[in-house]
Amino acid sequence: MGLENEDLIDPRKVFVYEFINQPAGKSMVKEIIGDPTTGFQFDLFTDSALHLYNEVLKIGELLQNDKP
């Protein structure tokens, strides 16, 4: 991709927040601390993405099994 270290964001200089839905329409705000080696970890986003991915796999299997 032609990127160099200077092109990357330094996670120590960025503030990142995750908004977590709570009951009764409330939200909790959680600061996500970045790591210079691994970046930012978004647990809720990762869980949601994996859930959607697994649903797509199941739908694909169902569609594949329905073909004559």
PDB file of N, CA and C in Angstrom:
ATOM      1  N   MET A   1       0.822  -1.193   0.000  1.00  0.00           N
ATOM      2  CA  MET A   1       0.000   0.000   0.000  1.00  0.00           C
ATOM      3  C   MET A   1       0.865   1.255   0.000  1.00  0.00           C
ATOM      4  N   GLY A   2       2.138   1.106   0.177  1.00  0.00           N
ATOM      5  CA  GLY A   2       3.019   2.251   0.112  1.00  0.00           C
ATOM      6  C   GLY A   2       3.010   3.128   1.350  1.00  0.00           C
ATOM      7  N   LEU A   3       2.498   2.627   2.463  1.00  0.00           N
ATOM      8  CA  LEU A   3       2.466   3.417   3.701  1.00  0.00           C
ATOM      9  C   LEU A   3       3.781   3.298   4.454  1.00  0.00           C
ATOM     10  N   GLU A   4       4.112   4.356   5.120  1.00  0.00           N
ATOM     11  CA  GLU A   4       5.306   4.363   5.960  1.00  0.00           C
ATOM     12  C   GLU A   4       4.889   4.682   7.391  1.00  0.00           C
ATOM     13  N   ASN A   5       5.771   4.477   8.343  1.00  0.00           N
ATOM     14  CA  ASN A   5       5.449   4.734   9.751  1.00  0.00           C
ATOM     15  C   ASN A   5       4.932   6.146   9.971  1.00  0.00           C
ATOM     16  N   GLU A   6       5.434   7.108   9.218  1.00  0.00           N
ATOM     17  CA  GLU A   6       5.003   8.492   9.376  1.00  0.00           C
ATOM     18  C   GLU A   6       3.548   8.694   8.951  1.00  0.00           C
ATOM     19  N   ASP A   7       3.014   7.786   8.145  1.00  0.00           N
ATOM     20  CA  ASP A   7       1.634   7.878   7.670  1.00  0.00           C
ATOM     21  C   ASP A   7       0.636   7.375   8.705  1.00  0.00           C
ATOM     22  N   LEU A   8       1.089   6.628   9.670  1.00  0.00           N
ATOM     23  CA  LEU A   8       0.207   6.011  10.650  1.00  0.00           C
ATOM     24  C   LEU A   8      -0.155   6.976  11.767  1.00  0.00           C
ATOM     25  N   ILE A   9      -1.332   6.759  12.355  1.00  0.00           N
ATOM     26  CA  ILE A   9      -1.777   7.569  13.486  1.00  0.00           C
ATOM     27  C   ILE A   9      -1.109   7.048  14.754  1.00  0.00           C
ATOM     28  N   ASP A  10      -0.583   7.942  15.539  1.00  0.00           N
ATOM     29  CA  ASP A  10      -0.004   7.565  16.831  1.00  0.00           C
ATOM     30  C   ASP A  10      -1.148   7.468  17.838  1.00  0.00           C
ATOM     31  N   PRO A  11      -1.494   6.245  18.310  1.00  0.00           N
ATOM     32  CA  PRO A  11      -2.644   6.093  19.205  1.00  0.00           C
ATOM     33  C   PRO A  11      -2.498   6.840  20.524  1.00  0.00           C
ATOM     34  N   ARG A  12      -1.299   7.238  20.868  1.00  0.00           N
ATOM     35  CA  ARG A  12      -1.115   8.002  22.109  1.00  0.00           C
ATOM     36  C   ARG A  12      -1.542   9.453  21.932  1.00  0.00           C
ATOM     37  N   LYS A  13      -1.779   9.879  20.683  1.00  0.00           N
ATOM     38  CA  LYS A  13      -2.162  11.258  20.411  1.00  0.00           C
ATOM     39  C   LYS A  13      -3.615  11.388  19.954  1.00  0.00           C
ATOM     40  N   VAL A  14      -4.379  10.293  20.066  1.00  0.00           N
ATOM     41  CA  VAL A  14      -5.761  10.274  19.604  1.00  0.00           C
ATOM     42  C   VAL A  14      -6.656   9.833  20.751  1.00  0.00           C
ATOM     43  N   PHE A  15      -7.816  10.460  20.863  1.00  0.00           N
ATOM     44  CA  PHE A  15      -8.803  10.054  21.860  1.00  0.00           C
ATOM     45  C   PHE A  15      -9.948   9.364  21.125  1.00  0.00           C
ATOM     46  N   VAL A  16     -10.253   8.132  21.534  1.00  0.00           N
ATOM     47  CA  VAL A  16     -11.276   7.331  20.881  1.00  0.00           C
ATOM     48  C   VAL A  16     -12.274   6.877  21.944  1.00  0.00           C
ATOM     49  N   TYR A  17     -13.568   6.954  21.606  1.00  0.00           N
ATOM     50  CA  TYR A  17     -14.612   6.576  22.557  1.00  0.00           C
ATOM     51  C   TYR A  17     -15.584   5.602  21.908  1.00  0.00           C
ATOM     52  N   GLU A  18     -16.067   4.686  22.719  1.00  0.00           N
ATOM     53  CA  GLU A  18     -17.075   3.732  22.293  1.00  0.00           C
ATOM     54  C   GLU A  18     -18.355   4.037  23.073  1.00  0.00           C
ATOM     55  N   PHE A  19     -19.465   4.145  22.361  1.00  0.00           N
ATOM     56  CA  PHE A  19     -20.757   4.415  23.000  1.00  0.00           C
ATOM     57  C   PHE A  19     -21.499   3.097  23.154  1.00  0.00           C
ATOM     58  N   ILE A  20     -21.853   2.751  24.380  1.00  0.00           N
ATOM     59  CA  ILE A  20     -22.483   1.480  24.686  1.00  0.00           C
ATOM     60  C   ILE A  20     -23.934   1.742  25.091  1.00  0.00           C
ATOM     61  N   ASN A  21     -24.871   1.193  24.316  1.00  0.00           N
ATOM     62  CA  ASN A  21     -26.299   1.376  24.603  1.00  0.00           C
ATOM     63  C   ASN A  21     -26.667   0.697  25.912  1.00  0.00           C
ATOM     64  N   GLN A  22     -27.428   1.404  26.725  1.00  0.00           N
ATOM     65  CA  GLN A  22     -27.907   0.913  28.005  1.00  0.00           C
ATOM     66  C   GLN A  22     -29.437   0.903  27.986  1.00  0.00           C
ATOM     67  N   PRO A  23     -30.059   0.263  28.974  1.00  0.00           N
ATOM     68  CA  PRO A  23     -31.524   0.280  29.037  1.00  0.00           C
ATOM     69  C   PRO A  23     -32.078   1.711  29.162  1.00  0.00           C
ATOM     70  N   ALA A  24     -33.324   1.867  28.802  1.00  0.00           N
ATOM     71  CA  ALA A  24     -34.052   3.136  28.910  1.00  0.00           C
ATOM     72  C   ALA A  24     -33.441   4.237  28.034  1.00  0.00           C
ATOM     73  N   GLY A  25     -32.825   3.852  26.909  1.00  0.00           N
ATOM     74  CA  GLY A  25     -32.319   4.844  25.973  1.00  0.00           C
ATOM     75  C   GLY A  25     -31.067   5.568  26.406  1.00  0.00           C
ATOM     76  N   LYS A  26     -30.414   5.104  27.435  1.00  0.00           N
ATOM     77  CA  LYS A  26     -29.177   5.735  27.911  1.00  0.00           C
ATOM     78  C   LYS A  26     -27.977   5.130  27.183  1.00  0.00           C
ATOM     79  N   SER A  27     -26.863   5.835  27.228  1.00  0.00           N
ATOM     80  CA  SER A  27     -25.606   5.334  26.673  1.00  0.00           C
ATOM     81  C   SER A  27     -24.492   5.532  27.684  1.00  0.00           C
ATOM     82  N   MET A  28     -23.567   4.593  27.677  1.00  0.00           N
ATOM     83  CA  MET A  28     -22.370   4.720  28.493  1.00  0.00           C
ATOM     84  C   MET A  28     -21.219   5.001  27.529  1.00  0.00           C
ATOM     85  N   VAL A  29     -20.368   5.936  27.878  1.00  0.00           N
ATOM     86  CA  VAL A  29     -19.235   6.287  27.033  1.00  0.00           C
ATOM     87  C   VAL A  29     -17.982   5.700  27.668  1.00  0.00           C
ATOM     88  N   LYS A  30     -17.250   4.919  26.872  1.00  0.00           N
ATOM     89  CA  LYS A  30     -16.045   4.260  27.358  1.00  0.00           C
ATOM     90  C   LYS A  30     -14.875   4.712  26.503  1.00  0.00           C
ATOM     91  N   GLU A  31     -13.832   5.223  27.127  1.00  0.00           N
ATOM     92  CA  GLU A  31     -12.633   5.604  26.377  1.00  0.00           C
ATOM     93  C   GLU A  31     -11.866   4.342  26.003  1.00  0.00           C
ATOM     94  N   ILE A  32     -11.445   4.262  24.748  1.00  0.00           N
ATOM     95  CA  ILE A  32     -10.648   3.141  24.266  1.00  0.00           C
ATOM     96  C   ILE A  32      -9.201   3.618  24.165  1.00  0.00           C
ATOM     97  N   ILE A  33      -8.340   2.981  24.929  1.00  0.00           N
ATOM     98  CA  ILE A  33      -6.919   3.344  24.922  1.00  0.00           C
ATOM     99  C   ILE A  33      -6.222   2.576  23.800  1.00  0.00           C
ATOM    100  N   GLY A  34      -5.511   3.295  22.952  1.00  0.00           N
ATOM    101  CA  GLY A  34      -4.806   2.670  21.839  1.00  0.00           C
ATOM    102  C   GLY A  34      -3.434   2.170  22.239  1.00  0.00           C
ATOM    103  N   ASP A  35      -2.975   1.189  21.521  1.00  0.00           N
ATOM    104  CA  ASP A  35      -1.651   0.616  21.730  1.00  0.00           C
ATOM    105  C   ASP A  35      -0.823   0.863  20.469  1.00  0.00           C
ATOM    106  N   PRO A  36       0.413   1.335  20.601  1.00  0.00           N
ATOM    107  CA  PRO A  36       1.223   1.628  19.405  1.00  0.00           C
ATOM    108  C   PRO A  36       1.439   0.409  18.503  1.00  0.00           C
ATOM    109  N   THR A  37       1.380  -0.788  19.059  1.00  0.00           N
ATOM    110  CA  THR A  37       1.625  -2.000  18.274  1.00  0.00           C
ATOM    111  C   THR A  37       0.344  -2.577  17.690  1.00  0.00           C
ATOM    112  N   THR A  38      -0.721  -2.649  18.498  1.00  0.00           N
ATOM    113  CA  THR A  38      -1.945  -3.318  18.056  1.00  0.00           C
ATOM    114  C   THR A  38      -3.075  -2.366  17.686  1.00  0.00           C
ATOM    115  N   GLY A  39      -2.943  -1.085  17.975  1.00  0.00           N
ATOM    116  CA  GLY A  39      -3.972  -0.114  17.634  1.00  0.00           C
ATOM    117  C   GLY A  39      -5.089  -0.086  18.661  1.00  0.00           C
ATOM    118  N   PHE A  40      -6.338   0.042  18.194  1.00  0.00           N
ATOM    119  CA  PHE A  40      -7.506   0.159  19.063  1.00  0.00           C
ATOM    120  C   PHE A  40      -8.329  -1.124  18.995  1.00  0.00           C
ATOM    121  N   GLN A  41      -8.809  -1.567  20.133  1.00  0.00           N
ATOM    122  CA  GLN A  41      -9.646  -2.764  20.200  1.00  0.00           C
ATOM    123  C   GLN A  41     -11.072  -2.346  20.551  1.00  0.00           C
ATOM    124  N   PHE A  42     -12.004  -2.622  19.644  1.00  0.00           N
ATOM    125  CA  PHE A  42     -13.411  -2.305  19.850  1.00  0.00           C
ATOM    126  C   PHE A  42     -14.167  -3.612  20.044  1.00  0.00           C
ATOM    127  N   ASP A  43     -14.352  -4.028  21.282  1.00  0.00           N
ATOM    128  CA  ASP A  43     -14.978  -5.313  21.575  1.00  0.00           C
ATOM    129  C   ASP A  43     -16.397  -5.408  21.023  1.00  0.00           C
ATOM    130  N   LEU A  44     -17.212  -4.381  21.233  1.00  0.00           N
ATOM    131  CA  LEU A  44     -18.591  -4.428  20.750  1.00  0.00           C
ATOM    132  C   LEU A  44     -18.647  -4.495  19.225  1.00  0.00           C
ATOM    133  N   PHE A  45     -17.817  -3.715  18.569  1.00  0.00           N
ATOM    134  CA  PHE A  45     -17.793  -3.719  17.107  1.00  0.00           C
ATOM    135  C   PHE A  45     -17.335  -5.078  16.589  1.00  0.00           C
ATOM    136  N   THR A  46     -16.298  -5.619  17.195  1.00  0.00           N
ATOM    137  CA  THR A  46     -15.783  -6.925  16.781  1.00  0.00           C
ATOM    138  C   THR A  46     -16.843  -8.003  16.972  1.00  0.00           C
ATOM    139  N   ASP A  47     -17.514  -8.000  18.124  1.00  0.00           N
ATOM    140  CA  ASP A  47     -18.574  -8.981  18.375  1.00  0.00           C
ATOM    141  C   ASP A  47     -19.698  -8.853  17.350  1.00  0.00           C
ATOM    142  N   SER A  48     -20.112  -7.627  17.045  1.00  0.00           N
ATOM    143  CA  SER A  48     -21.185  -7.398  16.069  1.00  0.00           C
ATOM    144  C   SER A  48     -20.763  -7.853  14.676  1.00  0.00           C
ATOM    145  N   ALA A  49     -19.547  -7.539  14.287  1.00  0.00           N
ATOM    146  CA  ALA A  49     -19.055  -7.934  12.963  1.00  0.00           C
ATOM    147  C   ALA A  49     -18.987  -9.453  12.840  1.00  0.00           C
ATOM    148  N   LEU A  50     -18.517 -10.132  13.882  1.00  0.00           N
ATOM    149  CA  LEU A  50     -18.457 -11.591  13.846  1.00  0.00           C
ATOM    150  C   LEU A  50     -19.850 -12.206  13.802  1.00  0.00           C
ATOM    151  N   HIS A  51     -20.790 -11.623  14.538  1.00  0.00           N
ATOM    152  CA  HIS A  51     -22.165 -12.108  14.529  1.00  0.00           C
ATOM    153  C   HIS A  51     -22.760 -11.990  13.121  1.00  0.00           C
ATOM    154  N   LEU A  52     -22.582 -10.838  12.491  1.00  0.00           N
ATOM    155  CA  LEU A  52     -23.093 -10.646  11.132  1.00  0.00           C
ATOM    156  C   LEU A  52     -22.430 -11.610  10.151  1.00  0.00           C
ATOM    157  N   TYR A  53     -21.132 -11.793  10.284  1.00  0.00           N
ATOM    158  CA  TYR A  53     -20.396 -12.706   9.411  1.00  0.00           C
ATOM    159  C   TYR A  53     -20.959 -14.124   9.532  1.00  0.00           C
ATOM    160  N   ASN A  54     -21.199 -14.578  10.760  1.00  0.00           N
ATOM    161  CA  ASN A  54     -21.740 -15.919  10.971  1.00  0.00           C
ATOM    162  C   ASN A  54     -23.144 -16.053  10.397  1.00  0.00           C
ATOM    163  N   GLU A  55     -23.953 -14.998  10.510  1.00  0.00           N
ATOM    164  CA  GLU A  55     -25.288 -15.029   9.908  1.00  0.00           C
ATOM    165  C   GLU A  55     -25.206 -15.144   8.389  1.00  0.00           C
ATOM    166  N   VAL A  56     -24.288 -14.420   7.782  1.00  0.00           N
ATOM    167  CA  VAL A  56     -24.124 -14.479   6.327  1.00  0.00           C
ATOM    168  C   VAL A  56     -23.693 -15.879   5.903  1.00  0.00           C
ATOM    169  N   LEU A  57     -22.802 -16.500   6.664  1.00  0.00           N
ATOM    170  CA  LEU A  57     -22.395 -17.870   6.340  1.00  0.00           C
ATOM    171  C   LEU A  57     -23.581 -18.825   6.381  1.00  0.00           C
ATOM    172  N   LYS A  58     -24.434 -18.693   7.402  1.00  0.00           N
ATOM    173  CA  LYS A  58     -25.613 -19.558   7.513  1.00  0.00           C
ATOM    174  C   LYS A  58     -26.572 -19.341   6.350  1.00  0.00           C
ATOM    175  N   ILE A  59     -26.800 -18.076   5.994  1.00  0.00           N
ATOM    176  CA  ILE A  59     -27.685 -17.772   4.866  1.00  0.00           C
ATOM    177  C   ILE A  59     -27.104 -18.360   3.581  1.00  0.00           C
ATOM    178  N   GLY A  60     -25.812 -18.216   3.395  1.00  0.00           N
ATOM    179  CA  GLY A  60     -25.156 -18.786   2.214  1.00  0.00           C
ATOM    180  C   GLY A  60     -25.318 -20.291   2.149  1.00  0.00           C
ATOM    181  N   GLU A  61     -25.181 -20.956   3.291  1.00  0.00           N
ATOM    182  CA  GLU A  61     -25.363 -22.408   3.331  1.00  0.00           C
ATOM    183  C   GLU A  61     -26.797 -22.787   2.987  1.00  0.00           C
ATOM    184  N   LEU A  62     -27.768 -22.053   3.525  1.00  0.00           N
ATOM    185  CA  LEU A  62     -29.168 -22.327   3.221  1.00  0.00           C
ATOM    186  C   LEU A  62     -29.456 -22.157   1.737  1.00  0.00           C
ATOM    187  N   LEU A  63     -28.943 -21.082   1.156  1.00  0.00           N
ATOM    188  CA  LEU A  63     -29.152 -20.832  -0.273  1.00  0.00           C
ATOM    189  C   LEU A  63     -28.486 -21.910  -1.123  1.00  0.00           C
ATOM    190  N   GLN A  64     -27.318 -22.328  -0.708  1.00  0.00           N
ATOM    191  CA  GLN A  64     -26.580 -23.364  -1.444  1.00  0.00           C
ATOM    192  C   GLN A  64     -27.326 -24.703  -1.389  1.00  0.00           C
ATOM    193  N   ASN A  65     -27.918 -25.003  -0.226  1.00  0.00           N
ATOM    194  CA  ASN A  65     -28.648 -26.264  -0.066  1.00  0.00           C
ATOM    195  C   ASN A  65     -29.982 -26.267  -0.805  1.00  0.00           C
ATOM    196  N   ASP A  66     -30.530 -25.104  -1.097  1.00  0.00           N
ATOM    197  CA  ASP A  66     -31.815 -25.013  -1.805  1.00  0.00           C
ATOM    198  C   ASP A  66     -31.677 -25.124  -3.317  1.00  0.00           C
ATOM    199  N   LYS A  67     -30.455 -25.097  -3.838  1.00  0.00           N
ATOM    200  CA  LYS A  67     -30.266 -25.167  -5.287  1.00  0.00           C
ATOM    201  C   LYS A  67     -30.542 -26.586  -5.782  1.00  0.00           C
ATOM    202  N   PRO A  68     -31.203 -26.673  -6.941  1.00  0.00           N
ATOM    203  CA  PRO A  68     -31.519 -28.017  -7.508  1.00  0.00           C
ATOM    204  C   PRO A  68     -30.296 -28.728  -8.026  1.00  0.00           C
TER     205      PRO A  68
END
